[in-house]
Amino acid sequence: MKLTPQQVNIICKGDEEIAGYFHALLAVVDQQAKRIEELEKRVHELERQLGQNSNNSSKPPSSDGLRKPTNLRTPGGKKGAPKGHAGTTLHFVDEPNEIVVHELLMCSGCLASLDAVESQNYEKRQVFDLPPPRIWVTEHRAQKKCCPQCGLQQKASFPERVHAPTQYGEGFTAWTAYLHAYQMLPLDRITRLFADLTGYQPSEATLLSSLQTMFHSLEEAEQTIRAQLFQKSVAHADETGCRIEGKTHWMHVVSDADWTLLGVHPKRGSQAMDELGFFPFYTGTVVHDCLPAYFKEIYSFDHALCNAHLLRECQGIAEHDGHEWATQMKELLQESWKLAQSSRQEDIPLPKVVIEAVKDQYDDILESGKVEWEKDAVRAKNGPRGRKIKSKAANLGERFLIHKESIIRFLWDDHIPFDNNQAERDLRMVKVKQKVSGSFRTESGAKNFARMRSVISTLLKQQLPVLSSLTNALRNQFSF
């Protein structure tokens, strides 16, 4: 309790010298109390940062370091494939490429010679192996002729793709794209692999030229992907940072279970979304992680938020701030998703009374949560400008308040998923590429990778062969 000057004078019995000393002491105590409060807030935030991981925040699992994840598998049990699994194995072929006969020359019992005895039967075994790869050189010859009537010297035309005296063919181009955008190898390792397999080692400049050729050949395929996504009622969207020429750029994705569209841009917000050529024209529902740029008024699509992100943030608030409302909201979302899954399996919509009950409980939790997050200590604001500083819990709570319909839309719309894992899975290979090959050297190289990865990801989703599809695209013979 802070003492008034009158109370200090009473305590000091009118002695001004003691009263002055007392006032100075109280000022020091008051200053120390403020400093202690500031330090407590700072310690709380630092502890929050140290305690963040992929389970209680938006940090990716790769940032967890050596932390051992929780193993959900039951110890013990039967090893191998689960019961009822069909399994796969090699089958005998009727016409093998090579037959090796192993002769029986001597009787194992009496050591008599069997060299002249005809074989009654044989037991066969087949070995499936890869032959050593070799370069196939095709020589193109353009005939030269002289017209007997007018004497004009003429020459036949070479195919459009044969434009140099010696060059690598479409197979090299397709393999380069395959190794670069599917197997994620850096260019140096691709050249070494070609050298080991074929004895020919193309330069990195040749590989870059091949990737540029593949980039142009896949333009029509990318347009098909974009057109197909326009027809979908629900699309997933996300973005992740990537390094280009030592600077942070952003790889954006729009996808669903069948199609993937990637694009790279220096910006993260609406400018990048506009250049991707999808969001300004899409009228379905976009599942995303609540980035403010998605809520621009120029966009006419509906919104569905990723509840997996919200669950992790609720877990973080419950752990670091001890808020009961965050635990209650997490449990409500989880139970609501179970109800939605059950109704979808039975192919019947959730009763309106159940949806209204969830909405009412949702509102009640946030109403009680206001009492908790308004008591949170927040750091001091620097300067008069800008928005009022709020705690993590307050920011999360207001997000729940503002985006209620987008968060629980999955209850009445059975096309809406609970999370945005589809987009996150489609972006994961971008991170793998950077870990294996390092950052992109140029923006054009990143754009090349984005288009090739869009097509390859789509091929994998549709269970189409990757390498042969890339080769057909070079020959203008490919379509999904």
Protein backbone atom coordinates (compact mmCIF):
# COMPACT_ATOMS: atom_id res chain seq x y z
CA MET A 1 0.00 0.00 0.00
CA LYS A 2 1.36 3.41 -0.97
CA LEU A 3 1.64 5.93 1.92
CA THR A 4 0.39 9.51 1.59
CA PRO A 5 2.58 12.49 2.65
CA GLN A 6 0.31 13.06 5.66
CA GLN A 7 0.77 9.46 6.81
CA VAL A 8 4.54 9.79 6.43
CA ASN A 9 4.56 12.96 8.59
CA ILE A 10 2.55 11.19 11.29
CA ILE A 11 4.95 8.26 11.29
CA CYS A 12 7.98 10.58 11.44
CA LYS A 13 6.34 12.71 14.18
CA GLY A 14 6.98 15.92 12.30
CA ASP A 15 10.72 15.40 11.82
CA GLU A 16 11.31 16.79 8.31
CA GLU A 17 14.74 15.19 7.89
CA ILE A 18 13.43 11.73 8.67
CA ALA A 19 10.37 12.39 6.51
CA GLY A 20 12.57 13.41 3.56
CA TYR A 21 14.66 10.28 3.95
CA PHE A 22 11.47 8.22 4.21
CA HIS A 23 10.07 9.77 1.02
CA ALA A 24 13.30 9.04 -0.85
CA LEU A 25 13.22 5.45 0.39
CA LEU A 26 9.62 5.02 -0.73
CA ALA A 27 10.50 6.40 -4.17
CA VAL A 28 13.29 3.82 -4.51
CA VAL A 29 10.95 1.03 -3.40
CA ASP A 30 8.30 2.18 -5.88
CA GLN A 31 10.87 2.30 -8.70
CA GLN A 32 12.12 -1.16 -7.81
CA ALA A 33 8.58 -2.52 -7.73
CA LYS A 34 7.95 -1.21 -11.25
CA ARG A 35 11.25 -2.68 -12.41
CA ILE A 36 10.41 -6.05 -10.85
CA GLU A 37 7.05 -6.04 -12.62
CA GLU A 38 8.74 -5.30 -15.96
CA LEU A 39 11.26 -8.09 -15.41
CA GLU A 40 8.55 -10.55 -14.43
CA LYS A 41 6.73 -9.81 -17.69
CA ARG A 42 9.94 -10.24 -19.64
CA VAL A 43 10.78 -13.52 -17.92
CA HIS A 44 7.26 -14.76 -18.64
CA GLU A 45 7.65 -14.01 -22.35
CA LEU A 46 11.10 -15.59 -22.48
CA GLU A 47 9.81 -18.71 -20.77
CA ARG A 48 7.00 -18.82 -23.31
CA GLN A 49 9.48 -18.62 -26.18
CA LEU A 50 11.69 -21.33 -24.69
CA GLY A 51 8.69 -23.58 -24.12
CA GLN A 52 7.30 -23.27 -27.63
CA ASN A 53 7.40 -26.33 -29.86
CA SER A 54 5.35 -27.86 -32.66
CA ASN A 55 2.70 -29.07 -30.19
CA ASN A 56 1.81 -25.72 -28.61
CA SER A 57 2.56 -23.15 -31.32
CA SER A 58 2.84 -22.71 -35.08
CA LYS A 59 6.49 -23.76 -35.10
CA PRO A 60 7.23 -26.65 -37.48
CA PRO A 61 8.35 -30.07 -36.14
CA SER A 62 11.80 -29.49 -37.67
CA SER A 63 12.39 -26.73 -35.09
CA ASP A 64 11.98 -29.13 -32.17
CA GLY A 65 15.60 -30.24 -32.42
CA LEU A 66 16.40 -33.45 -30.57
CA ARG A 67 13.18 -33.44 -28.56
CA LYS A 68 11.81 -36.96 -28.67
CA PRO A 69 8.25 -36.97 -30.02
CA THR A 70 5.50 -38.89 -28.29
CA ASN A 71 5.26 -42.43 -29.67
CA LEU A 72 1.60 -43.31 -30.24
CA ARG A 73 2.33 -46.92 -31.20
CA THR A 74 1.41 -49.73 -28.83
CA PRO A 75 4.54 -51.69 -27.82
CA GLY A 76 4.72 -55.33 -28.83
CA GLY A 77 2.28 -56.95 -31.21
CA LYS A 78 2.61 -58.67 -34.56
CA LYS A 79 5.41 -57.59 -36.85
CA GLY A 80 5.08 -57.06 -40.57
CA ALA A 81 2.10 -56.10 -42.70
CA PRO A 82 -1.31 -55.74 -41.05
CA LYS A 83 -3.89 -58.50 -41.33
CA GLY A 84 -5.68 -58.53 -44.66
CA HIS A 85 -2.91 -56.68 -46.52
CA ALA A 86 -2.74 -57.99 -50.11
CA GLY A 87 1.03 -57.67 -50.40
CA THR A 88 3.12 -57.50 -53.56
CA THR A 89 5.82 -59.72 -55.02
CA LEU A 90 7.63 -60.36 -58.28
CA HIS A 91 5.98 -62.72 -60.76
CA PHE A 92 7.64 -65.01 -63.31
CA VAL A 93 7.78 -63.64 -66.86
CA ASP A 94 7.13 -65.92 -69.85
CA GLU A 95 9.96 -64.53 -72.01
CA PRO A 96 13.08 -63.64 -69.97
CA ASN A 97 15.79 -61.58 -71.65
CA GLU A 98 18.46 -64.16 -70.87
CA ILE A 99 18.48 -67.85 -69.89
CA VAL A 100 21.42 -69.34 -68.03
CA VAL A 101 21.47 -73.17 -67.79
CA HIS A 102 23.30 -74.68 -64.83
CA GLU A 103 24.47 -78.16 -65.91
CA LEU A 104 24.55 -81.26 -63.73
CA LEU A 105 27.81 -83.06 -64.57
CA MET A 106 28.25 -85.71 -61.86
CA CYS A 107 26.08 -87.95 -59.66
CA SER A 108 26.29 -86.83 -56.06
CA GLY A 109 25.89 -90.45 -54.87
CA CYS A 110 28.28 -92.61 -56.93
CA LEU A 111 30.20 -89.84 -58.69
CA ALA A 112 29.25 -91.24 -62.13
CA SER A 113 29.41 -88.83 -65.09
CA LEU A 114 26.05 -87.35 -66.16
CA ASP A 115 27.47 -85.35 -69.03
CA ALA A 116 25.81 -87.49 -71.72
CA VAL A 117 22.48 -87.91 -69.86
CA GLU A 118 19.60 -85.76 -71.11
CA SER A 119 17.85 -83.50 -68.62
CA GLN A 120 14.41 -84.79 -67.60
CA ASN A 121 13.20 -81.43 -66.20
CA TYR A 122 14.49 -78.29 -64.58
CA GLU A 123 13.69 -75.93 -61.73
CA LYS A 124 13.69 -72.24 -62.63
CA ARG A 125 14.42 -69.07 -60.74
CA GLN A 126 14.34 -65.55 -62.17
CA VAL A 127 16.47 -62.56 -61.14
CA PHE A 128 15.16 -59.08 -61.93
CA ASP A 129 18.04 -56.64 -62.34
CA LEU A 130 18.87 -53.30 -63.91
CA PRO A 131 21.25 -53.44 -66.90
CA PRO A 132 24.09 -50.91 -67.02
CA PRO A 133 22.66 -47.71 -68.58
CA ARG A 134 24.17 -46.50 -71.83
CA ILE A 135 23.87 -43.48 -74.07
CA TRP A 136 21.75 -43.89 -77.19
CA VAL A 137 23.09 -41.65 -79.95
CA THR A 138 20.73 -40.80 -82.80
CA GLU A 139 22.23 -39.19 -85.88
CA HIS A 140 19.93 -36.95 -87.90
CA ARG A 141 20.86 -36.51 -91.57
CA ALA A 142 19.22 -33.82 -93.66
CA GLN A 143 19.43 -34.64 -97.34
CA LYS A 144 20.83 -32.12 -99.80
CA LYS A 145 19.61 -32.20 -103.39
CA CYS A 146 19.83 -30.18 -106.56
CA CYS A 147 16.66 -29.62 -108.56
CA PRO A 148 17.22 -31.03 -112.11
CA GLN A 149 14.79 -28.50 -113.58
CA CYS A 150 16.02 -25.17 -112.14
CA GLY A 151 19.33 -26.18 -110.56
CA LEU A 152 18.31 -24.89 -107.10
CA GLN A 153 20.36 -26.40 -104.26
CA GLN A 154 18.06 -27.50 -101.38
CA LYS A 155 18.33 -29.17 -97.93
CA ALA A 156 15.75 -31.06 -95.85
CA SER A 157 14.71 -29.58 -92.49
CA PHE A 158 15.79 -30.97 -89.14
CA PRO A 159 13.17 -31.53 -86.43
CA GLU A 160 12.55 -28.40 -84.36
CA ARG A 161 14.06 -29.93 -81.21
CA VAL A 162 17.32 -30.82 -83.05
CA HIS A 163 18.99 -27.42 -83.23
CA ALA A 164 22.74 -28.04 -82.66
CA PRO A 165 25.43 -30.22 -84.24
CA THR A 166 25.61 -32.21 -80.98
CA GLN A 167 23.23 -31.95 -78.03
CA TYR A 168 21.60 -33.85 -75.22
CA GLY A 169 18.12 -35.17 -75.95
CA GLU A 170 14.74 -35.18 -74.29
CA GLY A 171 15.65 -38.08 -72.04
CA PHE A 172 18.42 -36.02 -70.40
CA THR A 173 16.02 -33.09 -69.97
CA ALA A 174 13.31 -35.25 -68.38
CA TRP A 175 15.80 -36.97 -66.07
CA THR A 176 17.25 -33.63 -65.02
CA ALA A 177 13.80 -32.29 -64.08
CA TYR A 178 12.97 -35.57 -62.34
CA LEU A 179 16.13 -35.53 -60.22
CA HIS A 180 15.90 -31.79 -59.53
CA ALA A 181 12.21 -31.38 -58.60
CA TYR A 182 11.29 -34.88 -57.43
CA GLN A 183 14.44 -36.40 -55.93
CA MET A 184 15.59 -32.89 -54.82
CA LEU A 185 19.22 -33.32 -55.92
CA PRO A 186 21.43 -30.25 -56.41
CA LEU A 187 22.87 -29.69 -59.87
CA ASP A 188 26.39 -30.76 -58.93
CA ARG A 189 25.16 -34.17 -57.77
CA ILE A 190 23.03 -34.56 -60.90
CA THR A 191 26.07 -34.04 -63.13
CA ARG A 192 28.05 -36.58 -61.09
CA LEU A 193 25.19 -39.09 -61.27
CA PHE A 194 25.05 -38.78 -65.08
CA ALA A 195 28.82 -39.25 -65.22
CA ASP A 196 28.67 -42.39 -63.06
CA LEU A 197 25.78 -43.92 -65.01
CA THR A 198 26.59 -42.97 -68.60
CA GLY A 199 30.16 -41.68 -68.74
CA TYR A 200 28.87 -38.30 -69.97
CA GLN A 201 28.94 -35.35 -67.56
CA PRO A 202 26.86 -32.37 -68.71
CA SER A 203 27.80 -28.99 -67.24
CA GLU A 204 25.59 -27.16 -64.77
CA ALA A 205 24.85 -24.59 -67.48
CA THR A 206 23.53 -27.41 -69.68
CA LEU A 207 21.34 -28.66 -66.83
CA LEU A 208 19.97 -25.16 -66.23
CA SER A 209 19.13 -24.90 -69.93
CA SER A 210 17.35 -28.26 -69.71
CA LEU A 211 15.32 -27.08 -66.69
CA GLN A 212 14.33 -23.93 -68.60
CA THR A 213 13.18 -26.10 -71.51
CA MET A 214 11.09 -28.22 -69.16
CA PHE A 215 9.66 -25.05 -67.56
CA HIS A 216 8.27 -23.87 -70.92
CA SER A 217 7.04 -27.35 -71.82
CA LEU A 218 4.94 -27.53 -68.62
CA GLU A 219 3.17 -24.17 -69.10
CA GLU A 220 0.04 -25.78 -70.49
CA ALA A 221 0.01 -28.36 -67.68
CA GLU A 222 0.17 -25.55 -65.10
CA GLN A 223 -2.76 -23.79 -66.76
CA THR A 224 -4.74 -27.03 -66.57
CA ILE A 225 -4.00 -27.31 -62.85
CA ARG A 226 -5.17 -23.74 -62.24
CA ALA A 227 -8.33 -24.30 -64.28
CA GLN A 228 -9.16 -27.49 -62.39
CA LEU A 229 -8.71 -25.80 -59.02
CA PHE A 230 -11.11 -23.03 -60.08
CA GLN A 231 -13.81 -25.70 -60.36
CA LYS A 232 -13.29 -27.00 -56.83
CA SER A 233 -15.67 -25.92 -54.07
CA VAL A 234 -12.86 -26.05 -51.47
CA ALA A 235 -9.16 -25.23 -51.91
CA HIS A 236 -6.32 -25.21 -49.42
CA ALA A 237 -3.83 -22.32 -49.30
CA ASP A 238 -0.62 -21.70 -47.39
CA GLU A 239 2.80 -20.09 -47.77
CA THR A 240 6.30 -20.73 -46.48
CA GLY A 241 9.54 -18.79 -46.58
CA CYS A 242 12.35 -19.75 -48.94
CA ARG A 243 15.76 -18.21 -49.53
CA ILE A 244 16.59 -16.80 -52.97
CA GLU A 245 19.89 -14.98 -53.57
CA GLY A 246 20.29 -14.65 -49.81
CA LYS A 247 16.90 -12.97 -49.33
CA THR A 248 13.62 -14.29 -47.98
CA HIS A 249 10.91 -14.96 -50.56
CA TRP A 250 7.64 -16.81 -50.17
CA MET A 251 6.44 -20.01 -51.81
CA HIS A 252 2.63 -20.00 -52.07
CA VAL A 253 0.46 -23.04 -52.66
CA VAL A 254 -3.16 -23.66 -53.64
CA SER A 255 -4.13 -27.32 -53.66
CA ASP A 256 -6.57 -30.10 -52.93
CA ALA A 257 -6.36 -33.89 -52.93
CA ASP A 258 -5.88 -34.03 -56.75
CA TRP A 259 -4.13 -30.82 -57.83
CA THR A 260 -1.20 -28.66 -56.66
CA LEU A 261 -0.35 -25.13 -57.79
CA LEU A 262 2.85 -23.48 -56.49
CA GLY A 263 4.18 -19.98 -57.05
CA VAL A 264 7.05 -17.94 -55.64
CA HIS A 265 7.09 -14.21 -54.88
CA PRO A 266 9.19 -11.71 -52.86
CA LYS A 267 6.06 -10.77 -50.88
CA ARG A 268 3.85 -12.83 -48.62
CA GLY A 269 0.57 -10.88 -48.85
CA SER A 270 -2.12 -10.06 -51.38
CA GLN A 271 0.31 -8.86 -54.07
CA ALA A 272 1.76 -12.36 -54.30
CA MET A 273 -1.70 -13.93 -54.13
CA ASP A 274 -2.86 -11.78 -57.04
CA GLU A 275 0.12 -12.74 -59.21
CA LEU A 276 -0.55 -16.42 -58.57
CA GLY A 277 -3.64 -15.87 -60.69
CA PHE A 278 -6.08 -17.74 -58.48
CA PHE A 279 -7.47 -15.83 -55.50
CA PRO A 280 -8.91 -12.78 -57.31
CA PHE A 281 -11.15 -15.05 -59.42
CA TYR A 282 -12.00 -17.90 -57.03
CA THR A 283 -15.49 -18.04 -55.51
CA GLY A 284 -15.37 -21.23 -53.42
CA THR A 285 -14.04 -21.70 -49.89
CA VAL A 286 -10.35 -21.31 -49.05
CA VAL A 287 -8.92 -23.15 -46.05
CA HIS A 288 -6.03 -21.13 -44.60
CA ASP A 289 -4.17 -20.16 -41.43
CA CYS A 290 -5.80 -16.74 -40.85
CA LEU A 291 -3.18 -14.61 -42.60
CA PRO A 292 -4.82 -11.13 -42.80
CA ALA A 293 -4.14 -10.86 -46.55
CA TYR A 294 -6.75 -13.57 -47.25
CA PHE A 295 -9.47 -11.29 -45.84
CA LYS A 296 -8.98 -8.48 -48.37
CA GLU A 297 -12.31 -7.08 -49.58
CA ILE A 298 -11.32 -7.60 -53.21
CA TYR A 299 -11.56 -11.38 -52.72
CA SER A 300 -14.98 -13.00 -52.99
CA PHE A 301 -14.22 -16.48 -51.65
CA ASP A 302 -15.41 -17.82 -48.29
CA HIS A 303 -13.09 -18.70 -45.43
CA ALA A 304 -12.42 -21.77 -43.31
CA LEU A 305 -9.64 -21.60 -40.72
CA CYS A 306 -7.19 -24.35 -39.83
CA ASN A 307 -8.27 -25.72 -36.46
CA ALA A 308 -5.03 -27.64 -35.99
CA HIS A 309 -3.23 -24.29 -35.62
CA LEU A 310 -5.86 -23.07 -33.16
CA LEU A 311 -5.56 -26.24 -31.07
CA ARG A 312 -1.80 -25.78 -30.79
CA GLU A 313 -2.19 -22.15 -29.78
CA CYS A 314 -4.80 -23.08 -27.17
CA GLN A 315 -2.36 -25.66 -25.82
CA GLY A 316 0.35 -23.00 -25.58
CA ILE A 317 -1.94 -20.58 -23.70
CA ALA A 318 -2.99 -23.33 -21.30
CA GLU A 319 0.64 -24.32 -20.63
CA HIS A 320 2.23 -20.89 -20.29
CA ASP A 321 -0.63 -18.76 -18.94
CA GLY A 322 -2.74 -21.36 -17.15
CA HIS A 323 -5.98 -20.15 -18.77
CA GLU A 324 -8.92 -22.48 -18.29
CA TRP A 325 -10.81 -21.12 -21.29
CA ALA A 326 -8.07 -22.26 -23.69
CA THR A 327 -8.32 -25.84 -22.42
CA GLN A 328 -12.11 -25.73 -22.69
CA MET A 329 -11.98 -24.36 -26.25
CA LYS A 330 -9.49 -27.03 -27.30
CA GLU A 331 -11.75 -29.76 -25.93
CA LEU A 332 -14.82 -28.22 -27.60
CA LEU A 333 -13.17 -28.15 -31.02
CA GLN A 334 -11.95 -31.72 -30.68
CA GLU A 335 -15.37 -33.01 -29.59
CA SER A 336 -17.08 -31.01 -32.35
CA TRP A 337 -14.84 -32.60 -34.97
CA LYS A 338 -15.70 -36.07 -33.65
CA LEU A 339 -19.39 -35.24 -34.01
CA ALA A 340 -18.81 -33.99 -37.56
CA GLN A 341 -16.84 -37.09 -38.51
CA SER A 342 -19.54 -39.36 -37.14
CA SER A 343 -22.27 -37.57 -39.08
CA ARG A 344 -20.22 -37.73 -42.30
CA GLN A 345 -19.68 -41.46 -41.92
CA GLU A 346 -23.44 -41.94 -41.52
CA ASP A 347 -24.02 -39.52 -44.43
CA ILE A 348 -26.46 -37.40 -42.45
CA PRO A 349 -26.09 -33.73 -41.46
CA LEU A 350 -25.61 -32.75 -37.85
CA PRO A 351 -28.92 -31.75 -36.21
CA LYS A 352 -29.39 -28.00 -35.91
CA VAL A 353 -29.92 -28.34 -32.17
CA VAL A 354 -26.42 -29.85 -31.85
CA ILE A 355 -24.86 -27.07 -33.93
CA GLU A 356 -26.63 -24.40 -31.87
CA ALA A 357 -25.48 -26.08 -28.64
CA VAL A 358 -21.87 -25.98 -29.85
CA LYS A 359 -22.22 -22.32 -30.81
CA ASP A 360 -23.66 -21.44 -27.39
CA GLN A 361 -20.86 -23.29 -25.58
CA TYR A 362 -18.34 -21.58 -27.85
CA ASP A 363 -19.70 -18.16 -26.83
CA ASP A 364 -19.79 -19.08 -23.14
CA ILE A 365 -16.15 -20.15 -23.18
CA LEU A 366 -15.04 -16.88 -24.77
CA GLU A 367 -17.16 -14.87 -22.33
CA SER A 368 -15.40 -16.47 -19.37
CA GLY A 369 -12.09 -16.22 -21.23
CA LYS A 370 -12.34 -12.42 -21.37
CA VAL A 371 -12.08 -12.32 -17.59
CA GLU A 372 -8.86 -14.36 -17.75
CA TRP A 373 -7.05 -12.66 -20.61
CA GLU A 374 -7.89 -9.13 -19.40
CA LYS A 375 -5.81 -9.87 -16.29
CA ASP A 376 -2.73 -10.84 -18.33
CA ALA A 377 0.38 -8.76 -17.91
CA VAL A 378 1.58 -7.19 -21.16
CA ARG A 379 4.83 -5.48 -21.99
CA ALA A 380 4.98 -1.69 -22.04
CA LYS A 381 4.20 0.01 -25.33
CA ASN A 382 6.99 1.95 -27.02
CA GLY A 383 5.63 5.25 -28.33
CA PRO A 384 2.10 6.59 -28.75
CA ARG A 385 1.44 5.24 -32.25
CA GLY A 386 0.09 1.84 -33.25
CA ARG A 387 -2.43 -0.51 -31.77
CA LYS A 388 -2.75 -1.25 -28.10
CA ILE A 389 -0.51 -4.10 -27.00
CA LYS A 390 -2.40 -7.22 -25.96
CA SER A 391 -1.39 -10.55 -24.50
CA LYS A 392 -1.10 -13.73 -26.57
CA ALA A 393 -4.27 -15.03 -24.99
CA ALA A 394 -6.18 -11.83 -25.76
CA ASN A 395 -5.12 -11.91 -29.42
CA LEU A 396 -6.13 -15.56 -29.73
CA GLY A 397 -9.44 -14.92 -27.98
CA GLU A 398 -10.31 -12.04 -30.29
CA ARG A 399 -9.50 -14.22 -33.28
CA PHE A 400 -12.00 -16.78 -31.98
CA LEU A 401 -14.57 -14.00 -31.56
CA ILE A 402 -14.10 -12.44 -35.01
CA HIS A 403 -13.84 -15.65 -37.07
CA LYS A 404 -16.37 -17.85 -35.31
CA GLU A 405 -18.21 -18.89 -38.49
CA SER A 406 -14.98 -19.69 -40.35
CA ILE A 407 -13.65 -21.76 -37.44
CA ILE A 408 -16.65 -24.06 -36.93
CA ARG A 409 -17.90 -24.11 -40.53
CA PHE A 410 -17.05 -27.83 -40.68
CA LEU A 411 -20.09 -28.53 -38.46
CA TRP A 412 -22.68 -27.78 -41.15
CA ASP A 413 -20.62 -28.02 -44.36
CA ASP A 414 -19.35 -31.56 -44.89
CA HIS A 415 -16.93 -30.39 -47.62
CA ILE A 416 -14.89 -28.39 -45.12
CA PRO A 417 -11.95 -30.19 -43.46
CA PHE A 418 -10.90 -29.64 -39.86
CA ASP A 419 -7.35 -28.53 -40.69
CA ASN A 420 -5.10 -27.23 -43.45
CA ASN A 421 -2.78 -30.23 -43.54
CA GLN A 422 -3.25 -30.68 -47.29
CA ALA A 423 -1.51 -27.38 -48.10
CA GLU A 424 1.18 -27.99 -45.48
CA ARG A 425 2.00 -31.40 -46.98
CA ASP A 426 2.25 -29.87 -50.45
CA LEU A 427 4.70 -27.23 -49.17
CA ARG A 428 6.84 -29.69 -47.24
CA MET A 429 8.90 -30.66 -50.28
CA VAL A 430 9.98 -27.03 -50.70
CA LYS A 431 11.69 -27.29 -47.32
CA VAL A 432 13.18 -30.64 -48.25
CA LYS A 433 14.60 -29.12 -51.44
CA GLN A 434 16.27 -26.33 -49.46
CA LYS A 435 17.72 -28.74 -46.90
CA VAL A 436 19.17 -31.00 -49.59
CA SER A 437 20.21 -28.43 -52.20
CA GLY A 438 20.48 -25.15 -50.27
CA SER A 439 18.87 -21.86 -51.26
CA PHE A 440 17.85 -21.00 -54.82
CA ARG A 441 20.47 -19.00 -56.72
CA THR A 442 18.01 -16.99 -58.82
CA GLU A 443 14.33 -16.10 -58.75
CA SER A 444 13.86 -17.67 -62.18
CA GLY A 445 15.31 -20.92 -60.84
CA ALA A 446 12.80 -20.86 -57.97
CA LYS A 447 9.95 -20.26 -60.42
CA ASN A 448 11.17 -23.16 -62.56
CA PHE A 449 11.13 -25.41 -59.51
CA ALA A 450 7.66 -24.20 -58.47
CA ARG A 451 6.11 -25.11 -61.83
CA MET A 452 7.86 -28.46 -62.09
CA ARG A 453 6.97 -29.34 -58.50
CA SER A 454 3.33 -28.35 -59.16
CA VAL A 455 3.12 -30.84 -62.01
CA ILE A 456 5.07 -33.60 -60.23
CA SER A 457 2.96 -33.28 -57.07
CA THR A 458 -0.21 -33.48 -59.18
CA LEU A 459 1.12 -36.55 -61.02
CA LEU A 460 1.81 -38.28 -57.71
CA LYS A 461 -1.67 -37.45 -56.38
CA GLN A 462 -3.25 -38.90 -59.51
CA GLN A 463 -0.92 -41.93 -59.48
CA LEU A 464 0.50 -41.13 -62.91
CA PRO A 465 4.10 -42.01 -63.89
CA VAL A 466 6.40 -39.06 -63.33
CA LEU A 467 9.37 -39.63 -65.64
CA SER A 468 7.42 -40.73 -68.71
CA SER A 469 4.92 -37.88 -68.21
CA LEU A 470 7.75 -35.33 -68.18
CA THR A 471 9.15 -36.86 -71.37
CA ASN A 472 5.73 -36.71 -73.05
CA ALA A 473 5.38 -33.06 -72.02
CA LEU A 474 8.60 -32.27 -73.91
CA ARG A 475 7.04 -33.88 -76.98
CA ASN A 476 3.71 -32.05 -76.56
CA GLN A 477 2.02 -35.41 -76.00
CA PHE A 478 1.00 -35.06 -72.34
CA SER A 479 -2.30 -34.30 -70.66
CA PHE A 480 -3.70 -35.12 -67.22
